[in-house]
N, C-alpha and C. Protein backbone atom coordinates (compact mmCIF):
# COMPACT_ATOMS: atom_id res chain seq x y z
N MET A 1 0.84 -1.19 0.00
CA MET A 1 0.00 0.00 0.00
C MET A 1 0.87 1.25 0.00
N ASN A 2 0.52 2.22 -0.83
CA ASN A 2 1.20 3.52 -0.85
C ASN A 2 0.47 4.47 0.09
N THR A 3 1.24 5.31 0.77
CA THR A 3 0.61 6.27 1.67
C THR A 3 1.43 7.55 1.76
N ASP A 4 0.74 8.66 2.05
CA ASP A 4 1.42 9.96 2.12
C ASP A 4 0.47 10.97 2.73
N PHE A 5 1.04 12.06 3.27
CA PHE A 5 0.28 13.17 3.81
C PHE A 5 0.45 14.39 2.91
N THR A 6 -0.55 15.27 2.91
CA THR A 6 -0.42 16.61 2.36
C THR A 6 -1.28 17.55 3.20
N THR A 7 -1.11 18.83 3.02
CA THR A 7 -1.91 19.80 3.77
C THR A 7 -3.03 20.36 2.90
N ALA A 8 -4.09 20.84 3.56
CA ALA A 8 -5.23 21.40 2.83
C ALA A 8 -5.94 22.40 3.74
N ARG A 9 -6.72 23.29 3.13
CA ARG A 9 -7.53 24.25 3.87
C ARG A 9 -8.95 23.71 3.96
N VAL A 10 -9.46 23.59 5.18
CA VAL A 10 -10.82 23.13 5.40
C VAL A 10 -11.55 24.19 6.22
N ASN A 11 -12.55 24.82 5.62
CA ASN A 11 -13.29 25.89 6.30
C ASN A 11 -12.35 26.95 6.86
N GLY A 12 -11.33 27.29 6.09
CA GLY A 12 -10.41 28.34 6.48
C GLY A 12 -9.31 27.90 7.43
N GLU A 13 -9.24 26.62 7.78
CA GLU A 13 -8.22 26.13 8.70
C GLU A 13 -7.33 25.10 8.01
N ASN A 14 -6.07 25.05 8.43
CA ASN A 14 -5.15 24.06 7.88
C ASN A 14 -5.47 22.67 8.43
N LYS A 15 -5.58 21.71 7.54
CA LYS A 15 -5.80 20.32 7.92
C LYS A 15 -4.77 19.46 7.19
N ASN A 16 -4.72 18.20 7.55
CA ASN A 16 -3.82 17.25 6.90
C ASN A 16 -4.63 16.16 6.23
N VAL A 17 -4.24 15.82 5.03
CA VAL A 17 -4.94 14.78 4.28
C VAL A 17 -4.01 13.59 4.10
N LEU A 18 -4.47 12.44 4.55
CA LEU A 18 -3.72 11.19 4.39
C LEU A 18 -4.36 10.38 3.28
N VAL A 19 -3.54 9.92 2.35
CA VAL A 19 -4.05 9.04 1.30
C VAL A 19 -3.50 7.64 1.52
N CYS A 20 -4.36 6.65 1.35
CA CYS A 20 -3.98 5.24 1.37
C CYS A 20 -4.41 4.67 0.02
N ALA A 21 -3.47 4.08 -0.70
CA ALA A 21 -3.80 3.70 -2.08
C ALA A 21 -3.13 2.40 -2.48
N THR A 22 -3.87 1.60 -3.20
CA THR A 22 -3.36 0.45 -3.94
C THR A 22 -3.78 0.66 -5.39
N PRO A 23 -3.29 -0.15 -6.32
CA PRO A 23 -3.70 0.05 -7.72
C PRO A 23 -5.22 -0.02 -7.93
N SER A 24 -5.95 -0.65 -7.01
CA SER A 24 -7.39 -0.81 -7.20
C SER A 24 -8.24 0.02 -6.26
N THR A 25 -7.65 0.58 -5.19
CA THR A 25 -8.45 1.26 -4.16
C THR A 25 -7.73 2.51 -3.67
N VAL A 26 -8.51 3.59 -3.43
CA VAL A 26 -7.93 4.81 -2.86
C VAL A 26 -8.86 5.33 -1.78
N MET A 27 -8.28 5.78 -0.66
CA MET A 27 -9.05 6.37 0.43
C MET A 27 -8.33 7.61 0.91
N TYR A 28 -9.09 8.70 1.16
CA TYR A 28 -8.55 9.94 1.71
C TYR A 28 -9.11 10.13 3.12
N PHE A 29 -8.27 10.69 4.00
CA PHE A 29 -8.69 10.96 5.37
C PHE A 29 -8.25 12.37 5.75
N VAL A 30 -9.19 13.17 6.23
CA VAL A 30 -8.87 14.52 6.70
C VAL A 30 -8.58 14.44 8.19
N LYS A 31 -7.38 14.94 8.59
CA LYS A 31 -6.92 14.81 9.97
C LYS A 31 -6.44 16.16 10.51
N GLU A 32 -6.52 16.30 11.83
CA GLU A 32 -6.00 17.50 12.46
C GLU A 32 -4.48 17.53 12.44
N ASN A 33 -3.87 16.38 12.61
CA ASN A 33 -2.42 16.29 12.75
C ASN A 33 -1.84 15.23 11.82
N LYS A 34 -0.53 15.34 11.59
CA LYS A 34 0.21 14.27 10.93
C LYS A 34 0.71 13.31 12.00
N GLY A 35 1.68 12.47 11.64
CA GLY A 35 2.27 11.57 12.62
C GLY A 35 1.29 10.53 13.13
N HIS A 36 1.52 10.07 14.35
CA HIS A 36 0.72 8.98 14.91
C HIS A 36 -0.74 9.37 15.07
N GLU A 37 -1.00 10.63 15.45
CA GLU A 37 -2.39 11.06 15.61
C GLU A 37 -3.12 11.05 14.28
N GLY A 38 -2.41 11.40 13.21
CA GLY A 38 -3.03 11.40 11.90
C GLY A 38 -3.25 9.99 11.36
N ILE A 39 -2.46 9.06 11.81
CA ILE A 39 -2.55 7.68 11.32
C ILE A 39 -3.65 6.90 12.04
N LYS A 40 -4.02 7.33 13.25
CA LYS A 40 -5.04 6.61 14.00
C LYS A 40 -6.34 6.50 13.22
N ARG A 41 -6.95 5.32 13.33
CA ARG A 41 -8.24 5.03 12.70
C ARG A 41 -8.19 5.13 11.17
N THR A 42 -7.03 4.82 10.61
CA THR A 42 -6.90 4.69 9.15
C THR A 42 -6.35 3.29 8.86
N PRO A 43 -6.39 2.84 7.61
CA PRO A 43 -5.86 1.51 7.30
C PRO A 43 -4.39 1.34 7.68
N VAL A 44 -3.62 2.44 7.67
CA VAL A 44 -2.20 2.33 8.01
C VAL A 44 -2.02 1.77 9.42
N GLU A 45 -2.89 2.18 10.35
CA GLU A 45 -2.75 1.77 11.75
C GLU A 45 -2.81 0.26 11.90
N TYR A 46 -3.57 -0.40 11.04
CA TYR A 46 -3.80 -1.84 11.19
C TYR A 46 -3.12 -2.67 10.10
N TYR A 47 -2.46 -2.01 9.19
CA TYR A 47 -1.89 -2.70 8.03
C TYR A 47 -0.73 -3.61 8.45
N GLN A 48 -0.70 -4.83 7.93
CA GLN A 48 0.32 -5.80 8.32
C GLN A 48 1.29 -6.13 7.18
N PHE A 49 1.12 -5.48 6.05
CA PHE A 49 1.97 -5.80 4.90
C PHE A 49 2.90 -4.63 4.60
N ASN A 50 3.42 -4.55 3.39
CA ASN A 50 4.44 -3.56 3.05
C ASN A 50 3.84 -2.20 2.72
N LEU A 51 4.49 -1.15 3.23
CA LEU A 51 4.10 0.23 2.95
C LEU A 51 5.17 0.90 2.10
N THR A 52 4.75 1.66 1.10
CA THR A 52 5.66 2.49 0.32
C THR A 52 5.37 3.94 0.66
N HIS A 53 6.40 4.71 1.05
CA HIS A 53 6.19 6.08 1.50
C HIS A 53 7.45 6.90 1.30
N ASP A 54 7.39 8.17 1.72
CA ASP A 54 8.46 9.14 1.46
C ASP A 54 9.31 9.43 2.70
N HIS A 55 9.56 8.43 3.51
CA HIS A 55 10.43 8.56 4.68
C HIS A 55 9.81 9.42 5.78
N ASP A 56 8.50 9.41 5.91
CA ASP A 56 7.88 9.94 7.11
C ASP A 56 8.10 8.88 8.18
N LYS A 57 8.92 9.20 9.19
CA LYS A 57 9.35 8.20 10.15
C LYS A 57 8.20 7.59 10.94
N ALA A 58 7.08 8.31 11.06
CA ALA A 58 5.94 7.76 11.79
C ALA A 58 5.45 6.47 11.14
N PHE A 59 5.53 6.40 9.80
CA PHE A 59 5.05 5.22 9.10
C PHE A 59 5.85 3.96 9.45
N TYR A 60 7.09 4.14 9.90
CA TYR A 60 7.92 2.99 10.22
C TYR A 60 7.42 2.21 11.44
N ASN A 61 6.47 2.77 12.15
CA ASN A 61 5.90 2.07 13.30
C ASN A 61 4.72 1.18 12.91
N TYR A 62 4.41 1.14 11.63
CA TYR A 62 3.26 0.39 11.15
C TYR A 62 3.68 -0.48 9.97
N GLY A 63 2.81 -1.40 9.60
CA GLY A 63 3.10 -2.25 8.46
C GLY A 63 4.11 -3.34 8.75
N GLY A 64 4.27 -4.22 7.80
CA GLY A 64 5.20 -5.33 7.96
C GLY A 64 6.55 -5.09 7.30
N GLY A 65 6.63 -4.14 6.38
CA GLY A 65 7.87 -3.80 5.68
C GLY A 65 7.72 -2.42 5.08
N HIS A 66 8.85 -1.84 4.64
CA HIS A 66 8.81 -0.46 4.17
C HIS A 66 9.73 -0.26 2.96
N GLN A 67 9.19 0.41 1.95
CA GLN A 67 9.96 0.78 0.77
C GLN A 67 10.05 2.29 0.69
N GLU A 68 11.28 2.81 0.73
CA GLU A 68 11.49 4.25 0.54
C GLU A 68 11.24 4.60 -0.93
N CYS A 69 10.69 5.77 -1.17
CA CYS A 69 10.45 6.22 -2.54
C CYS A 69 11.79 6.51 -3.22
N ILE A 70 12.12 5.73 -4.23
CA ILE A 70 13.40 5.87 -4.92
C ILE A 70 13.42 7.09 -5.84
N ASP A 71 12.25 7.50 -6.32
CA ASP A 71 12.21 8.72 -7.14
C ASP A 71 12.66 9.93 -6.33
N HIS A 72 12.30 9.97 -5.05
CA HIS A 72 12.78 11.04 -4.19
C HIS A 72 14.30 10.98 -4.04
N VAL A 73 14.83 9.78 -3.93
CA VAL A 73 16.28 9.61 -3.80
C VAL A 73 16.98 10.16 -5.04
N LEU A 74 16.43 9.88 -6.21
CA LEU A 74 17.03 10.39 -7.44
C LEU A 74 17.08 11.92 -7.45
N ARG A 75 16.00 12.55 -7.02
CA ARG A 75 15.97 14.01 -6.99
C ARG A 75 16.97 14.56 -5.97
N HIS A 76 17.06 13.91 -4.83
CA HIS A 76 18.01 14.36 -3.81
C HIS A 76 19.45 14.18 -4.28
N LEU A 77 19.71 13.09 -4.97
CA LEU A 77 21.06 12.85 -5.48
C LEU A 77 21.44 13.89 -6.54
N LYS A 78 20.48 14.26 -7.37
CA LYS A 78 20.76 15.29 -8.37
C LYS A 78 21.11 16.61 -7.69
N ASP A 79 20.38 16.94 -6.63
CA ASP A 79 20.67 18.16 -5.88
C ASP A 79 22.07 18.09 -5.26
N CYS A 80 22.43 16.91 -4.76
CA CYS A 80 23.77 16.73 -4.19
C CYS A 80 24.85 16.92 -5.25
N MET A 81 24.62 16.39 -6.43
CA MET A 81 25.59 16.52 -7.51
C MET A 81 25.82 17.99 -7.86
N GLU A 82 24.75 18.78 -7.82
CA GLU A 82 24.87 20.20 -8.17
C GLU A 82 25.58 20.99 -7.08
N ASN A 83 25.43 20.56 -5.83
CA ASN A 83 26.01 21.30 -4.71
C ASN A 83 27.32 20.72 -4.20
N GLU A 84 27.61 19.49 -4.55
CA GLU A 84 28.86 18.84 -4.14
C GLU A 84 29.49 18.15 -5.35
N SER A 85 29.76 18.95 -6.36
CA SER A 85 30.27 18.41 -7.62
C SER A 85 31.68 17.82 -7.48
N ASN A 86 32.33 18.09 -6.36
CA ASN A 86 33.66 17.54 -6.13
C ASN A 86 33.62 16.09 -5.66
N LEU A 87 32.43 15.59 -5.32
CA LEU A 87 32.31 14.22 -4.82
C LEU A 87 31.86 13.27 -5.93
N LYS A 88 32.24 12.01 -5.77
CA LYS A 88 31.90 11.00 -6.77
C LYS A 88 30.71 10.15 -6.38
N TRP A 89 30.50 9.96 -5.07
CA TRP A 89 29.53 8.98 -4.63
C TRP A 89 28.12 9.29 -5.12
N ASN A 90 27.75 10.59 -5.13
CA ASN A 90 26.39 10.94 -5.52
C ASN A 90 26.13 10.61 -7.00
N GLN A 91 27.13 10.83 -7.85
CA GLN A 91 26.98 10.50 -9.27
C GLN A 91 26.88 8.99 -9.47
N LEU A 92 27.76 8.25 -8.78
CA LEU A 92 27.75 6.80 -8.90
C LEU A 92 26.44 6.20 -8.40
N MET A 93 25.93 6.73 -7.28
CA MET A 93 24.70 6.20 -6.72
C MET A 93 23.51 6.51 -7.61
N ARG A 94 23.48 7.68 -8.18
CA ARG A 94 22.36 8.03 -9.05
C ARG A 94 22.29 7.12 -10.27
N GLU A 95 23.45 6.84 -10.85
CA GLU A 95 23.49 5.92 -11.99
C GLU A 95 23.06 4.52 -11.57
N LEU A 96 23.48 4.10 -10.40
CA LEU A 96 23.10 2.77 -9.91
C LEU A 96 21.60 2.69 -9.68
N VAL A 97 21.03 3.70 -9.05
CA VAL A 97 19.60 3.69 -8.77
C VAL A 97 18.80 3.63 -10.07
N LYS A 98 19.20 4.41 -11.06
CA LYS A 98 18.51 4.38 -12.35
C LYS A 98 18.63 2.99 -12.99
N GLU A 99 19.78 2.38 -12.84
CA GLU A 99 19.97 1.04 -13.39
C GLU A 99 19.08 0.02 -12.68
N MET A 100 18.93 0.15 -11.37
CA MET A 100 18.08 -0.77 -10.62
C MET A 100 16.62 -0.63 -11.03
N ILE A 101 16.18 0.61 -11.23
CA ILE A 101 14.80 0.84 -11.65
C ILE A 101 14.56 0.23 -13.03
N HIS A 102 15.51 0.45 -13.95
CA HIS A 102 15.38 -0.12 -15.30
C HIS A 102 15.33 -1.65 -15.24
N PHE A 103 16.17 -2.24 -14.40
CA PHE A 103 16.16 -3.69 -14.23
C PHE A 103 14.80 -4.18 -13.78
N ARG A 104 14.26 -3.53 -12.79
CA ARG A 104 12.97 -3.96 -12.25
C ARG A 104 11.86 -3.81 -13.28
N LYS A 105 11.86 -2.70 -14.01
CA LYS A 105 10.81 -2.47 -15.00
C LYS A 105 10.91 -3.42 -16.18
N SER A 106 12.11 -3.89 -16.48
CA SER A 106 12.31 -4.74 -17.66
C SER A 106 12.09 -6.21 -17.38
N LEU A 107 11.83 -6.57 -16.12
CA LEU A 107 11.64 -7.98 -15.80
C LEU A 107 10.36 -8.52 -16.44
N PRO A 108 10.41 -9.74 -16.93
CA PRO A 108 9.20 -10.33 -17.50
C PRO A 108 8.22 -10.70 -16.39
N SER A 109 6.95 -10.76 -16.75
CA SER A 109 5.96 -11.25 -15.80
C SER A 109 6.18 -12.75 -15.66
N ASP A 110 6.71 -13.14 -14.51
CA ASP A 110 7.17 -14.53 -14.37
C ASP A 110 6.50 -15.19 -13.16
N GLY A 111 5.18 -15.30 -13.24
CA GLY A 111 4.45 -15.96 -12.17
C GLY A 111 4.59 -15.23 -10.85
N ASP A 112 4.85 -15.98 -9.81
CA ASP A 112 4.94 -15.41 -8.47
C ASP A 112 6.38 -15.19 -8.02
N ARG A 113 7.33 -15.31 -8.93
CA ARG A 113 8.73 -15.16 -8.52
C ARG A 113 9.10 -13.70 -8.34
N ASP A 114 9.91 -13.44 -7.32
CA ASP A 114 10.39 -12.10 -7.03
C ASP A 114 11.62 -11.79 -7.87
N PRO A 115 11.99 -10.50 -7.99
CA PRO A 115 13.17 -10.15 -8.80
C PRO A 115 14.44 -10.90 -8.41
N ASP A 116 14.66 -11.08 -7.10
CA ASP A 116 15.88 -11.78 -6.68
C ASP A 116 15.82 -13.28 -6.92
N GLU A 117 14.64 -13.79 -7.26
CA GLU A 117 14.51 -15.19 -7.67
C GLU A 117 14.69 -15.33 -9.17
N ILE A 118 14.26 -14.32 -9.91
CA ILE A 118 14.41 -14.35 -11.36
C ILE A 118 15.88 -14.18 -11.76
N ASN A 119 16.57 -13.24 -11.10
CA ASN A 119 17.98 -12.98 -11.42
C ASN A 119 18.74 -12.67 -10.13
N PRO A 120 19.01 -13.70 -9.34
CA PRO A 120 19.66 -13.48 -8.04
C PRO A 120 21.05 -12.88 -8.15
N ASP A 121 21.81 -13.22 -9.19
CA ASP A 121 23.16 -12.67 -9.34
C ASP A 121 23.13 -11.17 -9.59
N LYS A 122 22.18 -10.74 -10.39
CA LYS A 122 22.06 -9.31 -10.68
C LYS A 122 21.70 -8.54 -9.43
N VAL A 123 20.74 -9.04 -8.67
CA VAL A 123 20.32 -8.36 -7.45
C VAL A 123 21.46 -8.31 -6.44
N ALA A 124 22.19 -9.41 -6.31
CA ALA A 124 23.34 -9.44 -5.40
C ALA A 124 24.40 -8.43 -5.82
N ASP A 125 24.58 -8.27 -7.12
CA ASP A 125 25.56 -7.30 -7.63
C ASP A 125 25.10 -5.87 -7.33
N PHE A 126 23.80 -5.61 -7.49
CA PHE A 126 23.27 -4.29 -7.14
C PHE A 126 23.56 -3.97 -5.68
N GLU A 127 23.30 -4.91 -4.81
CA GLU A 127 23.50 -4.69 -3.38
C GLU A 127 24.98 -4.47 -3.06
N ARG A 128 25.82 -5.23 -3.71
CA ARG A 128 27.27 -5.07 -3.49
C ARG A 128 27.72 -3.67 -3.92
N ARG A 129 27.27 -3.23 -5.08
CA ARG A 129 27.67 -1.90 -5.58
C ARG A 129 27.08 -0.79 -4.71
N TYR A 130 25.86 -0.98 -4.24
CA TYR A 130 25.24 -0.01 -3.33
C TYR A 130 26.12 0.18 -2.09
N ASP A 131 26.55 -0.91 -1.51
CA ASP A 131 27.39 -0.85 -0.31
C ASP A 131 28.75 -0.21 -0.62
N GLU A 132 29.31 -0.55 -1.76
CA GLU A 132 30.61 0.01 -2.13
C GLU A 132 30.53 1.53 -2.33
N ILE A 133 29.44 2.00 -2.92
CA ILE A 133 29.29 3.43 -3.14
C ILE A 133 29.12 4.16 -1.81
N LEU A 134 28.42 3.56 -0.88
CA LEU A 134 28.30 4.18 0.44
C LEU A 134 29.65 4.20 1.16
N ASP A 135 30.49 3.21 0.91
CA ASP A 135 31.85 3.23 1.47
C ASP A 135 32.64 4.40 0.88
N ILE A 136 32.44 4.65 -0.42
CA ILE A 136 33.10 5.79 -1.07
C ILE A 136 32.62 7.09 -0.44
N ALA A 137 31.30 7.18 -0.20
CA ALA A 137 30.74 8.38 0.43
C ALA A 137 31.36 8.61 1.80
N LYS A 138 31.49 7.55 2.57
CA LYS A 138 32.07 7.66 3.91
C LYS A 138 33.49 8.20 3.83
N GLU A 139 34.27 7.67 2.91
CA GLU A 139 35.65 8.12 2.75
C GLU A 139 35.71 9.57 2.29
N GLU A 140 34.82 9.94 1.37
CA GLU A 140 34.84 11.32 0.86
C GLU A 140 34.47 12.32 1.94
N TYR A 141 33.47 12.00 2.74
CA TYR A 141 33.06 12.93 3.79
C TYR A 141 34.06 12.96 4.95
N GLU A 142 34.79 11.88 5.15
CA GLU A 142 35.84 11.90 6.17
C GLU A 142 37.01 12.76 5.71
N TYR A 143 37.32 12.70 4.43
CA TYR A 143 38.42 13.49 3.88
C TYR A 143 38.05 14.96 3.80
N GLU A 144 36.80 15.21 3.40
CA GLU A 144 36.31 16.59 3.26
C GLU A 144 34.93 16.68 3.88
N PRO A 145 34.83 17.00 5.17
CA PRO A 145 33.54 17.06 5.87
C PRO A 145 32.56 18.00 5.18
N PRO A 146 31.27 17.70 5.31
CA PRO A 146 30.26 18.56 4.64
C PRO A 146 30.29 19.98 5.18
N SER A 147 29.99 20.93 4.30
CA SER A 147 29.92 22.33 4.69
C SER A 147 28.74 22.56 5.62
N LYS A 148 28.89 23.48 6.54
CA LYS A 148 27.77 23.80 7.44
C LYS A 148 26.62 24.45 6.68
N TYR A 149 26.90 24.92 5.45
CA TYR A 149 25.87 25.54 4.63
C TYR A 149 25.12 24.52 3.77
N TYR A 150 25.68 23.34 3.63
CA TYR A 150 25.01 22.32 2.82
C TYR A 150 25.33 20.94 3.39
N LYS A 151 24.35 20.37 4.08
CA LYS A 151 24.53 19.06 4.68
C LYS A 151 23.55 18.03 4.14
N LYS A 152 22.82 18.41 3.09
CA LYS A 152 21.83 17.49 2.55
C LYS A 152 22.47 16.24 1.97
N GLY A 153 23.63 16.39 1.35
CA GLY A 153 24.30 15.23 0.78
C GLY A 153 24.73 14.26 1.85
N TYR A 154 25.33 14.78 2.89
CA TYR A 154 25.78 13.94 4.00
C TYR A 154 24.59 13.28 4.70
N ASN A 155 23.52 14.03 4.89
CA ASN A 155 22.33 13.46 5.52
C ASN A 155 21.71 12.36 4.66
N LEU A 156 21.74 12.56 3.34
CA LEU A 156 21.23 11.52 2.43
C LEU A 156 22.08 10.27 2.52
N PHE A 157 23.39 10.43 2.55
CA PHE A 157 24.30 9.29 2.72
C PHE A 157 23.96 8.52 3.99
N LYS A 158 23.78 9.22 5.10
CA LYS A 158 23.47 8.56 6.37
C LYS A 158 22.12 7.84 6.31
N LYS A 159 21.15 8.46 5.64
CA LYS A 159 19.84 7.83 5.52
C LYS A 159 19.91 6.56 4.66
N MET A 160 20.64 6.63 3.55
CA MET A 160 20.74 5.47 2.67
C MET A 160 21.52 4.34 3.33
N LEU A 161 22.38 4.70 4.25
CA LEU A 161 23.12 3.68 5.00
C LEU A 161 22.22 3.04 6.06
N ARG A 162 21.54 3.86 6.82
CA ARG A 162 20.70 3.35 7.91
C ARG A 162 19.50 2.59 7.39
N TYR A 163 18.89 3.10 6.31
CA TYR A 163 17.68 2.47 5.78
C TYR A 163 17.98 1.71 4.49
N ARG A 164 19.12 1.09 4.46
CA ARG A 164 19.57 0.36 3.27
C ARG A 164 18.51 -0.60 2.76
N ASP A 165 18.02 -1.49 3.61
CA ASP A 165 17.08 -2.51 3.18
C ASP A 165 15.77 -1.92 2.71
N ASN A 166 15.42 -0.73 3.21
CA ASN A 166 14.18 -0.07 2.80
C ASN A 166 14.30 0.63 1.46
N HIS A 167 15.54 0.87 1.02
CA HIS A 167 15.75 1.41 -0.32
C HIS A 167 15.80 0.28 -1.36
N LEU A 168 16.09 -0.93 -0.93
CA LEU A 168 16.32 -2.03 -1.86
C LEU A 168 15.23 -3.09 -1.82
N LEU A 169 14.19 -2.87 -1.03
CA LEU A 169 13.16 -3.90 -0.86
C LEU A 169 12.49 -4.26 -2.18
N PHE A 170 12.35 -3.28 -3.08
CA PHE A 170 11.67 -3.55 -4.36
C PHE A 170 12.43 -4.54 -5.24
N LEU A 171 13.70 -4.81 -4.90
CA LEU A 171 14.47 -5.82 -5.63
C LEU A 171 14.20 -7.22 -5.10
N HIS A 172 13.44 -7.31 -4.02
CA HIS A 172 13.19 -8.60 -3.38
C HIS A 172 11.72 -8.98 -3.34
N ASP A 173 10.85 -8.07 -3.73
CA ASP A 173 9.42 -8.34 -3.67
C ASP A 173 8.75 -7.74 -4.90
N ARG A 174 8.21 -8.57 -5.74
CA ARG A 174 7.63 -8.14 -7.01
C ARG A 174 6.39 -7.26 -6.83
N ARG A 175 5.78 -7.33 -5.64
CA ARG A 175 4.54 -6.58 -5.40
C ARG A 175 4.81 -5.12 -5.05
N ILE A 176 6.05 -4.79 -4.75
CA ILE A 176 6.37 -3.47 -4.21
C ILE A 176 6.87 -2.54 -5.30
N PRO A 177 6.23 -1.37 -5.48
CA PRO A 177 6.72 -0.39 -6.46
C PRO A 177 7.98 0.29 -5.94
N HIS A 178 8.80 0.79 -6.84
CA HIS A 178 10.04 1.45 -6.43
C HIS A 178 9.81 2.88 -5.95
N SER A 179 8.62 3.43 -6.21
CA SER A 179 8.36 4.82 -5.84
C SER A 179 6.98 4.96 -5.22
N ASN A 180 6.75 6.12 -4.64
CA ASN A 180 5.46 6.44 -4.04
C ASN A 180 4.63 7.32 -4.97
N SER A 181 4.84 7.19 -6.26
CA SER A 181 4.20 8.07 -7.23
C SER A 181 2.68 7.92 -7.23
N LEU A 182 2.17 6.74 -6.87
CA LEU A 182 0.72 6.55 -6.84
C LEU A 182 0.08 7.51 -5.84
N SER A 183 0.62 7.57 -4.62
CA SER A 183 0.10 8.49 -3.60
C SER A 183 0.25 9.93 -4.05
N GLU A 184 1.41 10.27 -4.58
CA GLU A 184 1.66 11.65 -4.98
C GLU A 184 0.71 12.09 -6.09
N ARG A 185 0.45 11.20 -7.03
CA ARG A 185 -0.45 11.53 -8.13
C ARG A 185 -1.88 11.75 -7.61
N LEU A 186 -2.32 10.92 -6.69
CA LEU A 186 -3.66 11.06 -6.13
C LEU A 186 -3.80 12.32 -5.29
N LEU A 187 -2.74 12.70 -4.59
CA LEU A 187 -2.79 13.93 -3.81
C LEU A 187 -2.78 15.16 -4.71
N ARG A 188 -2.11 15.06 -5.86
CA ARG A 188 -2.16 16.17 -6.82
C ARG A 188 -3.58 16.35 -7.35
N ILE A 189 -4.28 15.24 -7.58
CA ILE A 189 -5.67 15.32 -8.01
C ILE A 189 -6.49 16.02 -6.94
N PHE A 190 -6.24 15.66 -5.68
CA PHE A 190 -6.94 16.31 -4.56
C PHE A 190 -6.67 17.81 -4.55
N LYS A 191 -5.41 18.19 -4.75
CA LYS A 191 -5.04 19.61 -4.76
C LYS A 191 -5.76 20.35 -5.88
N ARG A 192 -5.85 19.73 -7.04
CA ARG A 192 -6.54 20.39 -8.15
C ARG A 192 -8.02 20.61 -7.82
N LYS A 193 -8.63 19.59 -7.19
CA LYS A 193 -10.03 19.73 -6.79
C LYS A 193 -10.19 20.84 -5.76
N GLN A 194 -9.20 20.97 -4.89
CA GLN A 194 -9.23 22.02 -3.88
C GLN A 194 -9.28 23.40 -4.53
N HIS A 195 -8.44 23.60 -5.54
CA HIS A 195 -8.38 24.90 -6.21
C HIS A 195 -9.65 25.20 -7.01
N GLN A 196 -10.39 24.15 -7.36
CA GLN A 196 -11.61 24.35 -8.12
C GLN A 196 -12.78 24.79 -7.23
N GLY A 197 -12.62 24.57 -5.89
CA GLY A 197 -13.70 24.93 -4.97
C GLY A 197 -13.78 26.44 -4.78
N HIS A 198 -14.88 26.91 -4.26
CA HIS A 198 -15.09 28.35 -4.06
C HIS A 198 -14.97 28.75 -2.60
N SER A 199 -15.09 27.81 -1.69
CA SER A 199 -15.00 28.14 -0.26
C SER A 199 -14.18 27.07 0.43
N GLY A 200 -12.93 27.41 0.75
CA GLY A 200 -12.06 26.43 1.41
C GLY A 200 -11.83 25.24 0.52
N VAL A 201 -12.08 24.06 1.05
CA VAL A 201 -11.93 22.85 0.25
C VAL A 201 -13.24 22.07 0.28
N SER A 202 -14.32 22.76 0.01
CA SER A 202 -15.63 22.11 0.09
C SER A 202 -15.71 20.90 -0.83
N LYS A 203 -15.20 21.05 -2.05
CA LYS A 203 -15.29 19.92 -2.98
C LYS A 203 -14.43 18.75 -2.54
N PRO A 204 -13.11 18.95 -2.27
CA PRO A 204 -12.33 17.81 -1.84
C PRO A 204 -12.79 17.25 -0.50
N TRP A 205 -13.40 18.11 0.37
CA TRP A 205 -13.94 17.58 1.62
C TRP A 205 -15.00 16.53 1.31
N ARG A 206 -15.87 16.83 0.31
CA ARG A 206 -16.89 15.86 -0.04
C ARG A 206 -16.26 14.60 -0.64
N ILE A 207 -15.16 14.79 -1.42
CA ILE A 207 -14.48 13.62 -1.97
C ILE A 207 -14.00 12.73 -0.85
N CYS A 208 -13.35 13.34 0.17
CA CYS A 208 -12.84 12.59 1.30
C CYS A 208 -13.97 11.88 2.02
N ALA A 209 -15.05 12.61 2.28
CA ALA A 209 -16.15 12.04 3.04
C ALA A 209 -16.74 10.83 2.32
N ASN A 210 -16.79 10.92 1.01
CA ASN A 210 -17.35 9.81 0.24
C ASN A 210 -16.44 8.59 0.23
N LEU A 211 -15.15 8.79 0.49
CA LEU A 211 -14.22 7.68 0.41
C LEU A 211 -13.82 7.11 1.75
N LEU A 212 -14.19 7.77 2.83
CA LEU A 212 -13.86 7.25 4.15
C LEU A 212 -14.60 5.94 4.39
N ALA A 213 -13.94 5.02 5.05
CA ALA A 213 -14.54 3.72 5.33
C ALA A 213 -14.14 3.29 6.73
N LEU A 214 -14.60 3.99 7.74
CA LEU A 214 -14.26 3.69 9.14
C LEU A 214 -15.40 2.95 9.81
């Protein structure tokens, strides 16, 4: 299941909208808060399978597994390349991530087998290169510590190291998308509906109300 939060205006007040989506089902929830309070009484609270999201740490307390949105990683790596052009790790990692996505998309529909069952050597090589690139990042930041004005690259390195398995889960489970684009696309639809309303978010509020299933 894909999930994500966004903000919205409801009767002149800021609210939070949580989307829960699978390829066949979408539900919106209007909440006062994000985090654990926003997750209460939604499918996320009771979900026992894999969640795909954008590294909202609250989600890590729910579900049976977690896939970080790799499209976000690509954008962050591009930003790192522009701001830390003297480093190699960000360029190498971005190329690797794009290669992993292409590999996953090009796999044949092969029954119930996961990517690492279809081509275990390729997946093992991806993981090996992922680890090697993070070793390069560690060496580069030790040699030249991140600037106090730009620490996004270093923080991304630390996140990709700590949440390694959550960045690579899509290589081990055929059911898991590599990105959270489904949630993001549905929230953009919600935003467009919001702008079409004449008073607050009257129209998207009705959309949410019609889709709630508590």
